[in-house]
Amino acid sequence: MNMHKFIKTIKRIKIKNLLILIILLLFNTYAWFIYSTKVNTEITAHVSSWNIKFVSDNQEITSDMTIEIERIFPGMEGDKKFEKIVQVKNQGEKSAILGYTIREITIMGETYTIGGENGKTEEELNKILDEYPFKIKIETNDENLKGENGEGKFIISLEWPFESGNDELDTYWGNKAYEYYSIHPDKNSVELKIILNASQKAE
């Protein structure tokens, strides 16, 4: 093979390799375009916003709160019962439902912790609370907690009828409540630590 033929062969090989390289680049560019389009489509998919606010006494609060009741006594019923209302404002797009978790409750110096290794179960706590003549309630209202400015509320209350039907029990707890407040005027008779929560309603 003379030098002229050798050079022509080299040129043909270079052109062939160049064509293969161009084809590969075009294929990779197309594949990347398809992949990129797919990824971008997934990334720009709409995600519903979620924005829930808890408001008490016209101030926004955290979901972890403590209810403090300074003094309790027989006759806390009607307009004399203790009541705390927490407004819930839904500024997201989806409807929500309300729930809560009781972490701890202290009644006249006696503390009950719920959950954990040494804590009470919810069932055990309910049995303990049933022994008191007063009733602590946490109610939720989420019927109108729809997306985009829906509203709901938590209602925390303590009610102690003047007569429960058991005179002996009424006298015992009435005296005990008065005695506790007299000895500890700087302490709350009841403290309730709870966690408020709102979750997206299945639609």
C-alpha atoms as a PDB file:
ATOM      1  CA  MET A   1       0.000   0.000   0.000  1.00  0.00           C
ATOM      2  CA  ASN A   2       1.478   3.335  -1.041  1.00  0.00           C
ATOM      3  CA  MET A   3       1.338   6.443   1.074  1.00  0.00           C
ATOM      4  CA  HIS A   4      -1.539   8.020  -0.889  1.00  0.00           C
ATOM      5  CA  LYS A   5      -3.861   5.031  -0.364  1.00  0.00           C
ATOM      6  CA  PHE A   6      -2.936   4.871   3.305  1.00  0.00           C
ATOM      7  CA  ILE A   7      -3.875   8.519   3.854  1.00  0.00           C
ATOM      8  CA  LYS A   8      -7.224   8.016   2.051  1.00  0.00           C
ATOM      9  CA  THR A   9      -7.971   5.015   4.261  1.00  0.00           C
ATOM     10  CA  ILE A  10      -7.210   7.020   7.401  1.00  0.00           C
ATOM     11  CA  LYS A  11      -9.522   9.829   6.248  1.00  0.00           C
ATOM     12  CA  ARG A  12     -12.365   7.375   5.581  1.00  0.00           C
ATOM     13  CA  ILE A  13     -11.963   5.907   9.058  1.00  0.00           C
ATOM     14  CA  LYS A  14     -11.975   9.380  10.654  1.00  0.00           C
ATOM     15  CA  ILE A  15     -15.106  10.428   8.752  1.00  0.00           C
ATOM     16  CA  LYS A  16     -16.845   7.180   9.685  1.00  0.00           C
ATOM     17  CA  ASN A  17     -15.939   7.590  13.360  1.00  0.00           C
ATOM     18  CA  LEU A  18     -17.078  11.203  13.274  1.00  0.00           C
ATOM     19  CA  LEU A  19     -20.460  10.195  11.831  1.00  0.00           C
ATOM     20  CA  ILE A  20     -20.885   7.555  14.542  1.00  0.00           C
ATOM     21  CA  LEU A  21     -19.984  10.116  17.206  1.00  0.00           C
ATOM     22  CA  ILE A  22     -22.525  12.619  15.819  1.00  0.00           C
ATOM     23  CA  ILE A  23     -25.259   9.960  15.773  1.00  0.00           C
ATOM     24  CA  LEU A  24     -24.486   8.989  19.381  1.00  0.00           C
ATOM     25  CA  LEU A  25     -24.582  12.620  20.493  1.00  0.00           C
ATOM     26  CA  LEU A  26     -27.925  13.170  18.775  1.00  0.00           C
ATOM     27  CA  PHE A  27     -29.381  10.047  20.397  1.00  0.00           C
ATOM     28  CA  ASN A  28     -28.146  11.037  23.877  1.00  0.00           C
ATOM     29  CA  THR A  29     -29.485  14.570  23.448  1.00  0.00           C
ATOM     30  CA  TYR A  30     -32.924  13.205  22.493  1.00  0.00           C
ATOM     31  CA  ALA A  31     -32.907  10.766  25.415  1.00  0.00           C
ATOM     32  CA  TRP A  32     -31.984  13.562  27.831  1.00  0.00           C
ATOM     33  CA  PHE A  33     -34.762  15.753  26.415  1.00  0.00           C
ATOM     34  CA  ILE A  34     -37.334  13.005  27.032  1.00  0.00           C
ATOM     35  CA  TYR A  35     -36.016  12.373  30.581  1.00  0.00           C
ATOM     36  CA  SER A  36     -35.841  16.073  31.404  1.00  0.00           C
ATOM     37  CA  THR A  37     -39.378  16.642  30.147  1.00  0.00           C
ATOM     38  CA  LYS A  38     -40.664  13.769  32.283  1.00  0.00           C
ATOM     39  CA  VAL A  39     -38.869  15.006  35.416  1.00  0.00           C
ATOM     40  CA  ASN A  40     -40.056  18.572  34.926  1.00  0.00           C
ATOM     41  CA  THR A  41     -43.629  17.374  34.460  1.00  0.00           C
ATOM     42  CA  GLU A  42     -43.457  15.473  37.750  1.00  0.00           C
ATOM     43  CA  ILE A  43     -41.844  18.339  39.625  1.00  0.00           C
ATOM     44  CA  THR A  44     -44.442  20.876  38.514  1.00  0.00           C
ATOM     45  CA  ALA A  45     -47.371  18.673  39.556  1.00  0.00           C
ATOM     46  CA  HIS A  46     -49.677  20.641  41.885  1.00  0.00           C
ATOM     47  CA  VAL A  47     -49.238  20.085  45.623  1.00  0.00           C
ATOM     48  CA  SER A  48     -52.117  21.300  47.797  1.00  0.00           C
ATOM     49  CA  SER A  49     -51.103  23.895  50.377  1.00  0.00           C
ATOM     50  CA  TRP A  50     -51.632  23.144  54.073  1.00  0.00           C
ATOM     51  CA  ASN A  51     -51.941  26.035  56.524  1.00  0.00           C
ATOM     52  CA  ILE A  52     -53.716  25.615  59.868  1.00  0.00           C
ATOM     53  CA  LYS A  53     -53.645  28.224  62.645  1.00  0.00           C
ATOM     54  CA  PHE A  54     -54.725  27.902  66.286  1.00  0.00           C
ATOM     55  CA  VAL A  55     -55.944  31.122  67.911  1.00  0.00           C
ATOM     56  CA  SER A  56     -56.767  31.786  71.581  1.00  0.00           C
ATOM     57  CA  ASP A  57     -57.695  35.194  73.039  1.00  0.00           C
ATOM     58  CA  ASN A  58     -57.011  36.776  69.625  1.00  0.00           C
ATOM     59  CA  GLN A  59     -53.428  35.485  69.593  1.00  0.00           C
ATOM     60  CA  GLU A  60     -51.947  32.723  67.478  1.00  0.00           C
ATOM     61  CA  ILE A  61     -50.697  29.867  69.661  1.00  0.00           C
ATOM     62  CA  THR A  62     -48.752  26.660  69.173  1.00  0.00           C
ATOM     63  CA  SER A  63     -50.476  23.294  69.116  1.00  0.00           C
ATOM     64  CA  ASP A  64     -48.788  22.352  72.413  1.00  0.00           C
ATOM     65  CA  MET A  65     -50.713  24.150  75.145  1.00  0.00           C
ATOM     66  CA  THR A  66     -51.457  24.121  78.876  1.00  0.00           C
ATOM     67  CA  ILE A  67     -54.924  24.831  80.235  1.00  0.00           C
ATOM     68  CA  GLU A  68     -54.775  26.413  83.705  1.00  0.00           C
ATOM     69  CA  ILE A  69     -57.763  26.524  86.067  1.00  0.00           C
ATOM     70  CA  GLU A  70     -56.968  28.559  89.157  1.00  0.00           C
ATOM     71  CA  ARG A  71     -59.809  27.445  91.403  1.00  0.00           C
ATOM     72  CA  ILE A  72     -62.558  24.819  91.263  1.00  0.00           C
ATOM     73  CA  PHE A  73     -65.653  24.547  93.458  1.00  0.00           C
ATOM     74  CA  PRO A  74     -69.151  23.037  93.536  1.00  0.00           C
ATOM     75  CA  GLY A  75     -71.592  25.119  91.508  1.00  0.00           C
ATOM     76  CA  MET A  76     -69.327  25.577  88.462  1.00  0.00           C
ATOM     77  CA  GLU A  77     -72.146  25.114  85.976  1.00  0.00           C
ATOM     78  CA  GLY A  78     -74.019  27.249  83.505  1.00  0.00           C
ATOM     79  CA  ASP A  79     -72.301  30.612  83.132  1.00  0.00           C
ATOM     80  CA  LYS A  80     -70.001  29.770  86.076  1.00  0.00           C
ATOM     81  CA  LYS A  81     -68.352  26.750  84.484  1.00  0.00           C
ATOM     82  CA  PHE A  82     -64.811  27.039  83.177  1.00  0.00           C
ATOM     83  CA  GLU A  83     -64.568  27.215  79.400  1.00  0.00           C
ATOM     84  CA  LYS A  84     -61.651  27.805  77.063  1.00  0.00           C
ATOM     85  CA  ILE A  85     -62.186  28.111  73.312  1.00  0.00           C
ATOM     86  CA  VAL A  86     -59.408  27.708  70.756  1.00  0.00           C
ATOM     87  CA  GLN A  87     -60.353  28.896  67.283  1.00  0.00           C
ATOM     88  CA  VAL A  88     -58.947  26.980  64.320  1.00  0.00           C
ATOM     89  CA  LYS A  89     -58.469  28.719  60.979  1.00  0.00           C
ATOM     90  CA  ASN A  90     -57.884  26.696  57.830  1.00  0.00           C
ATOM     91  CA  GLN A  91     -56.071  28.776  55.221  1.00  0.00           C
ATOM     92  CA  GLY A  92     -55.017  25.784  53.153  1.00  0.00           C
ATOM     93  CA  GLU A  93     -56.797  24.197  50.212  1.00  0.00           C
ATOM     94  CA  LYS A  94     -58.093  20.976  51.786  1.00  0.00           C
ATOM     95  CA  SER A  95     -60.727  20.347  54.460  1.00  0.00           C
ATOM     96  CA  ALA A  96     -59.393  19.287  57.861  1.00  0.00           C
ATOM     97  CA  ILE A  97     -60.489  17.267  60.874  1.00  0.00           C
ATOM     98  CA  LEU A  98     -59.484  18.037  64.457  1.00  0.00           C
ATOM     99  CA  GLY A  99     -58.014  15.827  67.151  1.00  0.00           C
ATOM    100  CA  TYR A 100     -56.014  16.103  70.353  1.00  0.00           C
ATOM    101  CA  THR A 101     -53.698  14.187  72.659  1.00  0.00           C
ATOM    102  CA  ILE A 102     -53.682  14.576  76.444  1.00  0.00           C
ATOM    103  CA  ARG A 103     -50.091  14.542  77.713  1.00  0.00           C
ATOM    104  CA  GLU A 104     -50.554  15.269  81.393  1.00  0.00           C
ATOM    105  CA  ILE A 105     -53.207  16.350  83.868  1.00  0.00           C
ATOM    106  CA  THR A 106     -52.726  17.680  87.405  1.00  0.00           C
ATOM    107  CA  ILE A 107     -55.671  17.846  89.804  1.00  0.00           C
ATOM    108  CA  MET A 108     -55.072  19.474  93.194  1.00  0.00           C
ATOM    109  CA  GLY A 109     -51.397  18.499  93.211  1.00  0.00           C
ATOM    110  CA  GLU A 110     -51.906  14.957  91.873  1.00  0.00           C
ATOM    111  CA  THR A 111     -50.266  14.532  88.458  1.00  0.00           C
ATOM    112  CA  TYR A 112     -51.164  11.861  85.912  1.00  0.00           C
ATOM    113  CA  THR A 113     -48.926  11.382  82.883  1.00  0.00           C
ATOM    114  CA  ILE A 114     -50.401   9.722  79.826  1.00  0.00           C
ATOM    115  CA  GLY A 115     -48.319   7.366  77.708  1.00  0.00           C
ATOM    116  CA  GLY A 116     -44.667   6.491  78.050  1.00  0.00           C
ATOM    117  CA  GLU A 117     -43.136   3.722  80.104  1.00  0.00           C
ATOM    118  CA  ASN A 118     -44.747   4.660  83.437  1.00  0.00           C
ATOM    119  CA  GLY A 119     -47.707   6.684  82.202  1.00  0.00           C
ATOM    120  CA  LYS A 120     -51.399   5.898  82.288  1.00  0.00           C
ATOM    121  CA  THR A 121     -53.346   4.650  79.321  1.00  0.00           C
ATOM    122  CA  GLU A 122     -56.251   6.729  78.056  1.00  0.00           C
ATOM    123  CA  GLU A 123     -58.673   4.150  79.460  1.00  0.00           C
ATOM    124  CA  GLU A 124     -57.024   4.287  82.911  1.00  0.00           C
ATOM    125  CA  LEU A 125     -57.165   8.075  82.881  1.00  0.00           C
ATOM    126  CA  ASN A 126     -60.879   8.073  82.045  1.00  0.00           C
ATOM    127  CA  LYS A 127     -61.566   5.756  85.000  1.00  0.00           C
ATOM    128  CA  ILE A 128     -59.653   8.088  87.329  1.00  0.00           C
ATOM    129  CA  LEU A 129     -61.477  11.175  86.054  1.00  0.00           C
ATOM    130  CA  ASP A 130     -64.843   9.456  86.509  1.00  0.00           C
ATOM    131  CA  GLU A 131     -64.166   9.355  90.265  1.00  0.00           C
ATOM    132  CA  TYR A 132     -64.222  13.151  90.513  1.00  0.00           C
ATOM    133  CA  PRO A 133     -67.534  15.014  90.879  1.00  0.00           C
ATOM    134  CA  PHE A 134     -66.481  17.546  88.234  1.00  0.00           C
ATOM    135  CA  LYS A 135     -66.173  16.709  84.548  1.00  0.00           C
ATOM    136  CA  ILE A 136     -63.414  17.828  82.208  1.00  0.00           C
ATOM    137  CA  LYS A 137     -64.382  17.816  78.540  1.00  0.00           C
ATOM    138  CA  ILE A 138     -62.550  18.509  75.297  1.00  0.00           C
ATOM    139  CA  GLU A 139     -64.911  18.918  72.367  1.00  0.00           C
ATOM    140  CA  THR A 140     -64.131  19.579  68.721  1.00  0.00           C
ATOM    141  CA  ASN A 141     -66.169  21.261  66.032  1.00  0.00           C
ATOM    142  CA  ASP A 142     -64.763  20.824  62.536  1.00  0.00           C
ATOM    143  CA  GLU A 143     -67.937  20.721  60.427  1.00  0.00           C
ATOM    144  CA  ASN A 144     -67.026  24.019  58.758  1.00  0.00           C
ATOM    145  CA  LEU A 145     -63.257  23.506  58.686  1.00  0.00           C
ATOM    146  CA  LYS A 146     -63.190  23.455  54.907  1.00  0.00           C
ATOM    147  CA  GLY A 147     -60.312  24.593  52.752  1.00  0.00           C
ATOM    148  CA  GLU A 148     -59.709  28.281  52.044  1.00  0.00           C
ATOM    149  CA  ASN A 149     -60.742  30.154  55.206  1.00  0.00           C
ATOM    150  CA  GLY A 150     -62.809  27.452  56.897  1.00  0.00           C
ATOM    151  CA  GLU A 151     -63.149  27.665  60.684  1.00  0.00           C
ATOM    152  CA  GLY A 152     -63.457  25.207  63.554  1.00  0.00           C
ATOM    153  CA  LYS A 153     -62.787  25.146  67.280  1.00  0.00           C
ATOM    154  CA  PHE A 154     -61.775  23.228  70.369  1.00  0.00           C
ATOM    155  CA  ILE A 155     -63.886  23.726  73.501  1.00  0.00           C
ATOM    156  CA  ILE A 156     -62.170  22.782  76.779  1.00  0.00           C
ATOM    157  CA  SER A 157     -64.455  22.938  79.796  1.00  0.00           C
ATOM    158  CA  LEU A 158     -64.759  21.959  83.455  1.00  0.00           C
ATOM    159  CA  GLU A 159     -68.197  21.687  85.020  1.00  0.00           C
ATOM    160  CA  TRP A 160     -68.968  20.894  88.665  1.00  0.00           C
ATOM    161  CA  PRO A 161     -72.682  20.701  89.511  1.00  0.00           C
ATOM    162  CA  PHE A 162     -73.613  21.886  92.989  1.00  0.00           C
ATOM    163  CA  GLU A 163     -75.243  18.524  93.625  1.00  0.00           C
ATOM    164  CA  SER A 164     -74.131  15.331  91.911  1.00  0.00           C
ATOM    165  CA  GLY A 165     -76.620  13.103  93.724  1.00  0.00           C
ATOM    166  CA  ASN A 166     -74.035  11.866  96.230  1.00  0.00           C
ATOM    167  CA  ASP A 167     -74.001  14.235  99.227  1.00  0.00           C
ATOM    168  CA  GLU A 168     -71.078  12.495 100.939  1.00  0.00           C
ATOM    169  CA  LEU A 169     -68.907  12.675  97.829  1.00  0.00           C
ATOM    170  CA  ASP A 170     -69.902  16.286  97.157  1.00  0.00           C
ATOM    171  CA  THR A 171     -68.949  17.283 100.716  1.00  0.00           C
ATOM    172  CA  TYR A 172     -65.615  15.432 100.594  1.00  0.00           C
ATOM    173  CA  TRP A 173     -64.447  16.947  97.310  1.00  0.00           C
ATOM    174  CA  GLY A 174     -65.849  20.377  98.119  1.00  0.00           C
ATOM    175  CA  ASN A 175     -63.829  20.496 101.345  1.00  0.00           C
ATOM    176  CA  LYS A 176     -60.747  19.104  99.604  1.00  0.00           C
ATOM    177  CA  ALA A 177     -60.894  21.717  96.838  1.00  0.00           C
ATOM    178  CA  TYR A 178     -61.322  24.541  99.369  1.00  0.00           C
ATOM    179  CA  GLU A 179     -58.461  23.221 101.506  1.00  0.00           C
ATOM    180  CA  TYR A 180     -56.096  22.892  98.536  1.00  0.00           C
ATOM    181  CA  TYR A 181     -56.774  26.436  97.357  1.00  0.00           C
ATOM    182  CA  SER A 182     -56.347  27.804 100.905  1.00  0.00           C
ATOM    183  CA  ILE A 183     -52.971  26.098 101.365  1.00  0.00           C
ATOM    184  CA  HIS A 184     -51.725  26.717  97.801  1.00  0.00           C
ATOM    185  CA  PRO A 185     -53.252  30.025  96.657  1.00  0.00           C
ATOM    186  CA  ASP A 186     -50.404  30.494  94.162  1.00  0.00           C
ATOM    187  CA  LYS A 187     -50.998  27.152  92.414  1.00  0.00           C
ATOM    188  CA  ASN A 188     -53.625  26.133  89.908  1.00  0.00           C
ATOM    189  CA  SER A 189     -56.207  23.628  91.081  1.00  0.00           C
ATOM    190  CA  VAL A 190     -56.209  21.952  87.659  1.00  0.00           C
ATOM    191  CA  GLU A 191     -53.665  21.951  84.835  1.00  0.00           C
ATOM    192  CA  LEU A 192     -54.182  20.131  81.573  1.00  0.00           C
ATOM    193  CA  LYS A 193     -51.372  19.717  79.025  1.00  0.00           C
ATOM    194  CA  ILE A 194     -52.607  18.800  75.577  1.00  0.00           C
ATOM    195  CA  ILE A 195     -51.459  18.716  71.969  1.00  0.00           C
ATOM    196  CA  LEU A 196     -53.946  19.976  69.406  1.00  0.00           C
ATOM    197  CA  ASN A 197     -53.775  18.631  65.882  1.00  0.00           C
ATOM    198  CA  ALA A 198     -55.474  18.995  62.536  1.00  0.00           C
ATOM    199  CA  SER A 199     -55.152  16.452  59.751  1.00  0.00           C
ATOM    200  CA  GLN A 200     -56.260  16.455  56.135  1.00  0.00           C
ATOM    201  CA  LYS A 201     -59.758  15.116  55.625  1.00  0.00           C
ATOM    202  CA  ALA A 202     -60.085  12.252  53.167  1.00  0.00           C
ATOM    203  CA  GLU A 203     -62.199  13.287  50.195  1.00  0.00           C
END
